[in-house]
Amino acid sequence: MTITGALVIFAVLWFLGLLVALPIGETSQEEDGEVVPGTPASAPIDPMMKKKLIWVTIVTFLIWVPICLVIASGWITIRDIDFFNRMG
């Protein structure tokens, strides 16, 4: 595995984790009962972005390391997942 491949895997996992984490623990202005004029009622009160970014980075790293180790060790190769036998 190349460095670029490892970074791409990390980036994909990180953005996927971020999209999963964004709605967790959110309270909208409408649910709180105090809608700020000029904003939609569905806008979050406190998105806690710093906390979510830190947690997503930690969890992504913990998932990314074993994936990279499995790919780098050769336990699973592209031929193992070639279900249509296109590689011969």
PDB file of N, CA and C in Angstrom:
ATOM      1  N   MET A   1       0.833  -1.158   0.000  1.00  0.00           N
ATOM      2  CA  MET A   1       0.000   0.000   0.000  1.00  0.00           C
ATOM      3  C   MET A   1       0.892   1.241   0.000  1.00  0.00           C
ATOM      4  N   THR A   2       0.502   2.209  -0.789  1.00  0.00           N
ATOM      5  CA  THR A   2       1.274   3.450  -0.862  1.00  0.00           C
ATOM      6  C   THR A   2       0.803   4.429   0.212  1.00  0.00           C
ATOM      7  N   ILE A   3       1.583   5.465   0.417  1.00  0.00           N
ATOM      8  CA  ILE A   3       1.209   6.497   1.378  1.00  0.00           C
ATOM      9  C   ILE A   3      -0.068   7.194   0.918  1.00  0.00           C
ATOM     10  N   THR A   4      -0.162   7.415  -0.376  1.00  0.00           N
ATOM     11  CA  THR A   4      -1.362   8.051  -0.914  1.00  0.00           C
ATOM     12  C   THR A   4      -2.592   7.182  -0.672  1.00  0.00           C
ATOM     13  N   GLY A   5      -2.454   5.891  -0.874  1.00  0.00           N
ATOM     14  CA  GLY A   5      -3.570   4.979  -0.622  1.00  0.00           C
ATOM     15  C   GLY A   5      -3.999   4.992   0.829  1.00  0.00           C
ATOM     16  N   ALA A   6      -3.026   5.013   1.735  1.00  0.00           N
ATOM     17  CA  ALA A   6      -3.344   5.056   3.162  1.00  0.00           C
ATOM     18  C   ALA A   6      -4.049   6.360   3.535  1.00  0.00           C
ATOM     19  N   LEU A   7      -3.591   7.473   2.959  1.00  0.00           N
ATOM     20  CA  LEU A   7      -4.234   8.764   3.238  1.00  0.00           C
ATOM     21  C   LEU A   7      -5.651   8.819   2.675  1.00  0.00           C
ATOM     22  N   VAL A   8      -5.852   8.231   1.511  1.00  0.00           N
ATOM     23  CA  VAL A   8      -7.190   8.208   0.917  1.00  0.00           C
ATOM     24  C   VAL A   8      -8.139   7.387   1.779  1.00  0.00           C
ATOM     25  N   ILE A   9      -7.683   6.246   2.256  1.00  0.00           N
ATOM     26  CA  ILE A   9      -8.516   5.417   3.133  1.00  0.00           C
ATOM     27  C   ILE A   9      -8.857   6.181   4.412  1.00  0.00           C
ATOM     28  N   PHE A  10      -7.873   6.869   4.989  1.00  0.00           N
ATOM     29  CA  PHE A  10      -8.124   7.654   6.200  1.00  0.00           C
ATOM     30  C   PHE A  10      -9.141   8.759   5.924  1.00  0.00           C
ATOM     31  N   ALA A  11      -8.983   9.462   4.808  1.00  0.00           N
ATOM     32  CA  ALA A  11      -9.894  10.568   4.485  1.00  0.00           C
ATOM     33  C   ALA A  11     -11.319  10.065   4.269  1.00  0.00           C
ATOM     34  N   VAL A  12     -11.474   8.967   3.574  1.00  0.00           N
ATOM     35  CA  VAL A  12     -12.812   8.423   3.330  1.00  0.00           C
ATOM     36  C   VAL A  12     -13.460   8.006   4.650  1.00  0.00           C
ATOM     37  N   LEU A  13     -12.712   7.315   5.495  1.00  0.00           N
ATOM     38  CA  LEU A  13     -13.252   6.903   6.787  1.00  0.00           C
ATOM     39  C   LEU A  13     -13.575   8.107   7.668  1.00  0.00           C
ATOM     40  N   TRP A  14     -12.723   9.132   7.624  1.00  0.00           N
ATOM     41  CA  TRP A  14     -12.928  10.312   8.457  1.00  0.00           C
ATOM     42  C   TRP A  14     -14.195  11.063   8.050  1.00  0.00           C
ATOM     43  N   PHE A  15     -14.368  11.285   6.745  1.00  0.00           N
ATOM     44  CA  PHE A  15     -15.563  12.004   6.293  1.00  0.00           C
ATOM     45  C   PHE A  15     -16.832  11.186   6.525  1.00  0.00           C
ATOM     46  N   LEU A  16     -16.753   9.878   6.358  1.00  0.00           N
ATOM     47  CA  LEU A  16     -17.896   9.032   6.648  1.00  0.00           C
ATOM     48  C   LEU A  16     -18.250   9.115   8.137  1.00  0.00           C
ATOM     49  N   GLY A  17     -17.250   9.057   8.980  1.00  0.00           N
ATOM     50  CA  GLY A  17     -17.478   9.188  10.417  1.00  0.00           C
ATOM     51  C   GLY A  17     -18.046  10.547  10.793  1.00  0.00           C
ATOM     52  N   LEU A  18     -17.575  11.595  10.142  1.00  0.00           N
ATOM     53  CA  LEU A  18     -18.088  12.934  10.420  1.00  0.00           C
ATOM     54  C   LEU A  18     -19.557  13.043  10.041  1.00  0.00           C
ATOM     55  N   LEU A  19     -19.920  12.498   8.896  1.00  0.00           N
ATOM     56  CA  LEU A  19     -21.316  12.554   8.481  1.00  0.00           C
ATOM     57  C   LEU A  19     -22.215  11.752   9.418  1.00  0.00           C
ATOM     58  N   VAL A  20     -21.685  10.701  10.000  1.00  0.00           N
ATOM     59  CA  VAL A  20     -22.461   9.925  10.970  1.00  0.00           C
ATOM     60  C   VAL A  20     -22.564  10.692  12.286  1.00  0.00           C
ATOM     61  N   ALA A  21     -21.502  11.370  12.695  1.00  0.00           N
ATOM     62  CA  ALA A  21     -21.458  12.028  14.002  1.00  0.00           C
ATOM     63  C   ALA A  21     -22.176  13.371  14.046  1.00  0.00           C
ATOM     64  N   LEU A  22     -22.339  14.028  12.932  1.00  0.00           N
ATOM     65  CA  LEU A  22     -22.922  15.379  12.953  1.00  0.00           C
ATOM     66  C   LEU A  22     -24.298  15.452  13.614  1.00  0.00           C
ATOM     67  N   PRO A  23     -25.232  14.572  13.310  1.00  0.00           N
ATOM     68  CA  PRO A  23     -26.558  14.722  13.930  1.00  0.00           C
ATOM     69  C   PRO A  23     -26.661  14.189  15.363  1.00  0.00           C
ATOM     70  N   ILE A  24     -25.630  13.542  15.870  1.00  0.00           N
ATOM     71  CA  ILE A  24     -25.698  12.956  17.205  1.00  0.00           C
ATOM     72  C   ILE A  24     -25.707  14.056  18.264  1.00  0.00           C
ATOM     73  N   GLY A  25     -26.692  14.011  19.143  1.00  0.00           N
ATOM     74  CA  GLY A  25     -26.773  14.950  20.258  1.00  0.00           C
ATOM     75  C   GLY A  25     -27.199  16.356  19.893  1.00  0.00           C
ATOM     76  N   GLU A  26     -27.750  16.552  18.728  1.00  0.00           N
ATOM     77  CA  GLU A  26     -28.156  17.887  18.298  1.00  0.00           C
ATOM     78  C   GLU A  26     -29.526  18.252  18.865  1.00  0.00           C
ATOM     79  N   THR A  27     -29.669  19.504  19.275  1.00  0.00           N
ATOM     80  CA  THR A  27     -30.950  20.060  19.687  1.00  0.00           C
ATOM     81  C   THR A  27     -31.210  21.270  18.812  1.00  0.00           C
ATOM     82  N   SER A  28     -32.339  21.266  18.124  1.00  0.00           N
ATOM     83  CA  SER A  28     -32.646  22.389  17.235  1.00  0.00           C
ATOM     84  C   SER A  28     -33.215  23.547  18.043  1.00  0.00           C
ATOM     85  N   GLN A  29     -33.224  24.708  17.414  1.00  0.00           N
ATOM     86  CA  GLN A  29     -33.777  25.895  18.064  1.00  0.00           C
ATOM     87  C   GLN A  29     -35.271  25.706  18.319  1.00  0.00           C
ATOM     88  N   GLU A  30     -35.930  25.007  17.422  1.00  0.00           N
ATOM     89  CA  GLU A  30     -37.366  24.773  17.580  1.00  0.00           C
ATOM     90  C   GLU A  30     -37.642  23.889  18.801  1.00  0.00           C
ATOM     91  N   GLU A  31     -36.816  22.857  18.989  1.00  0.00           N
ATOM     92  CA  GLU A  31     -36.988  21.973  20.146  1.00  0.00           C
ATOM     93  C   GLU A  31     -36.716  22.714  21.451  1.00  0.00           C
ATOM     94  N   ASP A  32     -35.790  23.657  21.409  1.00  0.00           N
ATOM     95  CA  ASP A  32     -35.447  24.426  22.595  1.00  0.00           C
ATOM     96  C   ASP A  32     -36.468  25.523  22.879  1.00  0.00           C
ATOM     97  N   GLY A  33     -37.184  25.943  21.846  1.00  0.00           N
ATOM     98  CA  GLY A  33     -38.212  26.963  22.016  1.00  0.00           C
ATOM     99  C   GLY A  33     -37.730  28.386  21.820  1.00  0.00           C
ATOM    100  N   GLU A  34     -36.467  28.581  21.450  1.00  0.00           N
ATOM    101  CA  GLU A  34     -35.932  29.923  21.232  1.00  0.00           C
ATOM    102  C   GLU A  34     -35.334  30.013  19.834  1.00  0.00           C
ATOM    103  N   VAL A  35     -36.141  30.441  18.881  1.00  0.00           N
ATOM    104  CA  VAL A  35     -35.685  30.570  17.499  1.00  0.00           C
ATOM    105  C   VAL A  35     -35.133  31.978  17.298  1.00  0.00           C
ATOM    106  N   VAL A  36     -33.878  32.079  16.897  1.00  0.00           N
ATOM    107  CA  VAL A  36     -33.236  33.373  16.630  1.00  0.00           C
ATOM    108  C   VAL A  36     -33.786  33.905  15.314  1.00  0.00           C
ATOM    109  N   PRO A  37     -34.255  35.146  15.293  1.00  0.00           N
ATOM    110  CA  PRO A  37     -34.788  35.706  14.051  1.00  0.00           C
ATOM    111  C   PRO A  37     -33.746  35.678  12.931  1.00  0.00           C
ATOM    112  N   GLY A  38     -34.182  35.269  11.744  1.00  0.00           N
ATOM    113  CA  GLY A  38     -33.300  35.207  10.583  1.00  0.00           C
ATOM    114  C   GLY A  38     -32.634  33.861  10.396  1.00  0.00           C
ATOM    115  N   THR A  39     -32.885  32.920  11.283  1.00  0.00           N
ATOM    116  CA  THR A  39     -32.315  31.580  11.151  1.00  0.00           C
ATOM    117  C   THR A  39     -33.453  30.567  11.045  1.00  0.00           C
ATOM    118  N   PRO A  40     -33.193  29.424  10.405  1.00  0.00           N
ATOM    119  CA  PRO A  40     -34.250  28.405  10.340  1.00  0.00           C
ATOM    120  C   PRO A  40     -34.466  27.772  11.718  1.00  0.00           C
ATOM    121  N   ALA A  41     -35.670  27.320  11.944  1.00  0.00           N
ATOM    122  CA  ALA A  41     -35.995  26.714  13.235  1.00  0.00           C
ATOM    123  C   ALA A  41     -35.223  25.417  13.461  1.00  0.00           C
ATOM    124  N   SER A  42     -34.759  24.803  12.388  1.00  0.00           N
ATOM    125  CA  SER A  42     -34.033  23.537  12.507  1.00  0.00           C
ATOM    126  C   SER A  42     -32.538  23.731  12.766  1.00  0.00           C
ATOM    127  N   ALA A  43     -32.081  24.965  12.877  1.00  0.00           N
ATOM    128  CA  ALA A  43     -30.657  25.230  13.130  1.00  0.00           C
ATOM    129  C   ALA A  43     -30.289  24.747  14.528  1.00  0.00           C
ATOM    130  N   PRO A  44     -29.108  24.125  14.657  1.00  0.00           N
ATOM    131  CA  PRO A  44     -28.720  23.619  15.978  1.00  0.00           C
ATOM    132  C   PRO A  44     -28.363  24.745  16.940  1.00  0.00           C
ATOM    133  N   ILE A  45     -28.560  24.470  18.221  1.00  0.00           N
ATOM    134  CA  ILE A  45     -28.216  25.452  19.244  1.00  0.00           C
ATOM    135  C   ILE A  45     -26.706  25.458  19.467  1.00  0.00           C
ATOM    136  N   ASP A  46     -26.152  24.305  19.788  1.00  0.00           N
ATOM    137  CA  ASP A  46     -24.716  24.166  20.014  1.00  0.00           C
ATOM    138  C   ASP A  46     -24.241  22.914  19.275  1.00  0.00           C
ATOM    139  N   PRO A  47     -23.605  23.080  18.101  1.00  0.00           N
ATOM    140  CA  PRO A  47     -23.231  21.898  17.312  1.00  0.00           C
ATOM    141  C   PRO A  47     -22.081  21.079  17.904  1.00  0.00           C
ATOM    142  N   MET A  48     -21.336  21.598  18.870  1.00  0.00           N
ATOM    143  CA  MET A  48     -20.218  20.887  19.509  1.00  0.00           C
ATOM    144  C   MET A  48     -19.230  20.340  18.468  1.00  0.00           C
ATOM    145  N   MET A  49     -18.877  21.157  17.499  1.00  0.00           N
ATOM    146  CA  MET A  49     -18.036  20.707  16.390  1.00  0.00           C
ATOM    147  C   MET A  49     -16.640  20.273  16.834  1.00  0.00           C
ATOM    148  N   LYS A  50     -16.014  21.013  17.727  1.00  0.00           N
ATOM    149  CA  LYS A  50     -14.653  20.664  18.148  1.00  0.00           C
ATOM    150  C   LYS A  50     -14.639  19.273  18.793  1.00  0.00           C
ATOM    151  N   LYS A  51     -15.588  19.026  19.670  1.00  0.00           N
ATOM    152  CA  LYS A  51     -15.679  17.735  20.349  1.00  0.00           C
ATOM    153  C   LYS A  51     -15.926  16.616  19.340  1.00  0.00           C
ATOM    154  N   LYS A  52     -16.807  16.849  18.378  1.00  0.00           N
ATOM    155  CA  LYS A  52     -17.114  15.830  17.377  1.00  0.00           C
ATOM    156  C   LYS A  52     -15.929  15.570  16.455  1.00  0.00           C
ATOM    157  N   LEU A  53     -15.209  16.623  16.069  1.00  0.00           N
ATOM    158  CA  LEU A  53     -14.042  16.445  15.205  1.00  0.00           C
ATOM    159  C   LEU A  53     -12.956  15.640  15.909  1.00  0.00           C
ATOM    160  N   ILE A  54     -12.759  15.889  17.190  1.00  0.00           N
ATOM    161  CA  ILE A  54     -11.756  15.127  17.945  1.00  0.00           C
ATOM    162  C   ILE A  54     -12.161  13.662  18.037  1.00  0.00           C
ATOM    163  N   TRP A  55     -13.428  13.394  18.384  1.00  0.00           N
ATOM    164  CA  TRP A  55     -13.885  12.008  18.503  1.00  0.00           C
ATOM    165  C   TRP A  55     -13.852  11.273  17.174  1.00  0.00           C
ATOM    166  N   VAL A  56     -14.248  11.961  16.110  1.00  0.00           N
ATOM    167  CA  VAL A  56     -14.220  11.322  14.785  1.00  0.00           C
ATOM    168  C   VAL A  56     -12.786  10.981  14.401  1.00  0.00           C
ATOM    169  N   THR A  57     -11.845  11.848  14.691  1.00  0.00           N
ATOM    170  CA  THR A  57     -10.448  11.582  14.368  1.00  0.00           C
ATOM    171  C   THR A  57      -9.914  10.390  15.156  1.00  0.00           C
ATOM    172  N   ILE A  58     -10.242  10.310  16.432  1.00  0.00           N
ATOM    173  CA  ILE A  58      -9.774   9.189  17.262  1.00  0.00           C
ATOM    174  C   ILE A  58     -10.362   7.870  16.782  1.00  0.00           C
ATOM    175  N   VAL A  59     -11.667   7.845  16.564  1.00  0.00           N
ATOM    176  CA  VAL A  59     -12.322   6.610  16.129  1.00  0.00           C
ATOM    177  C   VAL A  59     -11.841   6.207  14.738  1.00  0.00           C
ATOM    178  N   THR A  60     -11.663   7.179  13.852  1.00  0.00           N
ATOM    179  CA  THR A  60     -11.162   6.877  12.511  1.00  0.00           C
ATOM    180  C   THR A  60      -9.777   6.256  12.587  1.00  0.00           C
ATOM    181  N   PHE A  61      -8.924   6.799  13.425  1.00  0.00           N
ATOM    182  CA  PHE A  61      -7.575   6.252  13.563  1.00  0.00           C
ATOM    183  C   PHE A  61      -7.618   4.808  14.066  1.00  0.00           C
ATOM    184  N   LEU A  62      -8.497   4.534  15.036  1.00  0.00           N
ATOM    185  CA  LEU A  62      -8.611   3.183  15.584  1.00  0.00           C
ATOM    186  C   LEU A  62      -9.162   2.180  14.565  1.00  0.00           C
ATOM    187  N   ILE A  63      -9.939   2.653  13.615  1.00  0.00           N
ATOM    188  CA  ILE A  63     -10.443   1.775  12.543  1.00  0.00           C
ATOM    189  C   ILE A  63      -9.418   1.666  11.419  1.00  0.00           C
ATOM    190  N   TRP A  64      -8.717   2.760  11.143  1.00  0.00           N
ATOM    191  CA  TRP A  64      -7.789   2.841  10.014  1.00  0.00           C
ATOM    192  C   TRP A  64      -6.546   1.970  10.213  1.00  0.00           C
ATOM    193  N   VAL A  65      -6.018   1.931  11.424  1.00  0.00           N
ATOM    194  CA  VAL A  65      -4.790   1.169  11.689  1.00  0.00           C
ATOM    195  C   VAL A  65      -4.959  -0.312  11.342  1.00  0.00           C
ATOM    196  N   PRO A  66      -5.996  -0.997  11.851  1.00  0.00           N
ATOM    197  CA  PRO A  66      -6.136  -2.415  11.477  1.00  0.00           C
ATOM    198  C   PRO A  66      -6.376  -2.629   9.985  1.00  0.00           C
ATOM    199  N   ILE A  67      -7.097  -1.737   9.358  1.00  0.00           N
ATOM    200  CA  ILE A  67      -7.333  -1.868   7.916  1.00  0.00           C
ATOM    201  C   ILE A  67      -6.003  -1.775   7.165  1.00  0.00           C
ATOM    202  N   CYS A  68      -5.176  -0.802   7.524  1.00  0.00           N
ATOM    203  CA  CYS A  68      -3.870  -0.659   6.864  1.00  0.00           C
ATOM    204  C   CYS A  68      -2.972  -1.854   7.137  1.00  0.00           C
ATOM    205  N   LEU A  69      -3.018  -2.377   8.363  1.00  0.00           N
ATOM    206  CA  LEU A  69      -2.197  -3.545   8.683  1.00  0.00           C
ATOM    207  C   LEU A  69      -2.619  -4.769   7.875  1.00  0.00           C
ATOM    208  N   VAL A  70      -3.910  -4.958   7.705  1.00  0.00           N
ATOM    209  CA  VAL A  70      -4.397  -6.104   6.925  1.00  0.00           C
ATOM    210  C   VAL A  70      -3.997  -5.954   5.455  1.00  0.00           C
ATOM    211  N   ILE A  71      -4.133  -4.764   4.921  1.00  0.00           N
ATOM    212  CA  ILE A  71      -3.775  -4.546   3.512  1.00  0.00           C
ATOM    213  C   ILE A  71      -2.268  -4.677   3.316  1.00  0.00           C
ATOM    214  N   ALA A  72      -1.482  -4.066   4.202  1.00  0.00           N
ATOM    215  CA  ALA A  72      -0.024  -4.098   4.061  1.00  0.00           C
ATOM    216  C   ALA A  72       0.555  -5.496   4.283  1.00  0.00           C
ATOM    217  N   SER A  73      -0.079  -6.299   5.132  1.00  0.00           N
ATOM    218  CA  SER A  73       0.443  -7.633   5.410  1.00  0.00           C
ATOM    219  C   SER A  73       0.172  -8.610   4.272  1.00  0.00           C
ATOM    220  N   GLY A  74      -0.806  -8.309   3.455  1.00  0.00           N
ATOM    221  CA  GLY A  74      -1.129  -9.197   2.353  1.00  0.00           C
ATOM    222  C   GLY A  74      -2.132 -10.274   2.712  1.00  0.00           C
ATOM    223  N   TRP A  75      -2.740 -10.183   3.895  1.00  0.00           N
ATOM    224  CA  TRP A  75      -3.757 -11.160   4.279  1.00  0.00           C
ATOM    225  C   TRP A  75      -4.920 -11.143   3.301  1.00  0.00           C
ATOM    226  N   ILE A  76      -5.292  -9.951   2.850  1.00  0.00           N
ATOM    227  CA  ILE A  76      -6.354  -9.800   1.858  1.00  0.00           C
ATOM    228  C   ILE A  76      -5.769  -9.040   0.677  1.00  0.00           C
ATOM    229  N   THR A  77      -5.900  -9.607  -0.498  1.00  0.00           N
ATOM    230  CA  THR A  77      -5.416  -8.951  -1.714  1.00  0.00           C
ATOM    231  C   THR A  77      -6.600  -8.678  -2.624  1.00  0.00           C
ATOM    232  N   ILE A  78      -6.333  -7.976  -3.701  1.00  0.00           N
ATOM    233  CA  ILE A  78      -7.389  -7.665  -4.659  1.00  0.00           C
ATOM    234  C   ILE A  78      -7.923  -8.943  -5.312  1.00  0.00           C
ATOM    235  N   ARG A  79      -7.096  -9.943  -5.425  1.00  0.00           N
ATOM    236  CA  ARG A  79      -7.539 -11.217  -6.009  1.00  0.00           C
ATOM    237  C   ARG A  79      -8.514 -11.953  -5.090  1.00  0.00           C
ATOM    238  N   ASP A  80      -8.416 -11.717  -3.785  1.00  0.00           N
ATOM    239  CA  ASP A  80      -9.341 -12.347  -2.848  1.00  0.00           C
ATOM    240  C   ASP A  80     -10.767 -11.816  -2.984  1.00  0.00           C
ATOM    241  N   ILE A  81     -10.904 -10.592  -3.441  1.00  0.00           N
ATOM    242  CA  ILE A  81     -12.236 -10.009  -3.590  1.00  0.00           C
ATOM    243  C   ILE A  81     -12.663  -9.893  -5.055  1.00  0.00           C
ATOM    244  N   ASP A  82     -11.975 -10.604  -5.923  1.00  0.00           N
ATOM    245  CA  ASP A  82     -12.334 -10.639  -7.347  1.00  0.00           C
ATOM    246  C   ASP A  82     -13.384 -11.725  -7.553  1.00  0.00           C
ATOM    247  N   PHE A  83     -14.637 -11.392  -7.300  1.00  0.00           N
ATOM    248  CA  PHE A  83     -15.712 -12.370  -7.341  1.00  0.00           C
ATOM    249  C   PHE A  83     -16.075 -12.805  -8.754  1.00  0.00           C
ATOM    250  N   PHE A  84     -15.755 -12.000  -9.754  1.00  0.00           N
ATOM    251  CA  PHE A  84     -16.120 -12.318 -11.133  1.00  0.00           C
ATOM    252  C   PHE A  84     -14.947 -12.871 -11.931  1.00  0.00           C
ATOM    253  N   ASN A  85     -13.840 -13.168 -11.255  1.00  0.00           N
ATOM    254  CA  ASN A  85     -12.645 -13.776 -11.855  1.00  0.00           C
ATOM    255  C   ASN A  85     -12.135 -12.998 -13.066  1.00  0.00           C
ATOM    256  N   ARG A  86     -12.067 -11.705 -12.928  1.00  0.00           N
ATOM    257  CA  ARG A  86     -11.592 -10.841 -14.016  1.00  0.00           C
ATOM    258  C   ARG A  86     -10.065 -10.770 -14.042  1.00  0.00           C
ATOM    259  N   MET A  87      -9.415 -11.156 -12.968  1.00  0.00           N
ATOM    260  CA  MET A  87      -7.957 -11.064 -12.899  1.00  0.00           C
ATOM    261  C   MET A  87      -7.275 -12.397 -13.245  1.00  0.00           C
ATOM    262  N   GLY A  88      -8.068 -13.381 -13.554  1.00  0.00           N
ATOM    263  CA  GLY A  88      -7.504 -14.658 -13.974  1.00  0.00           C
ATOM    264  C   GLY A  88      -7.200 -15.625 -12.898  1.00  0.00           C
TER     265      GLY A  88
END
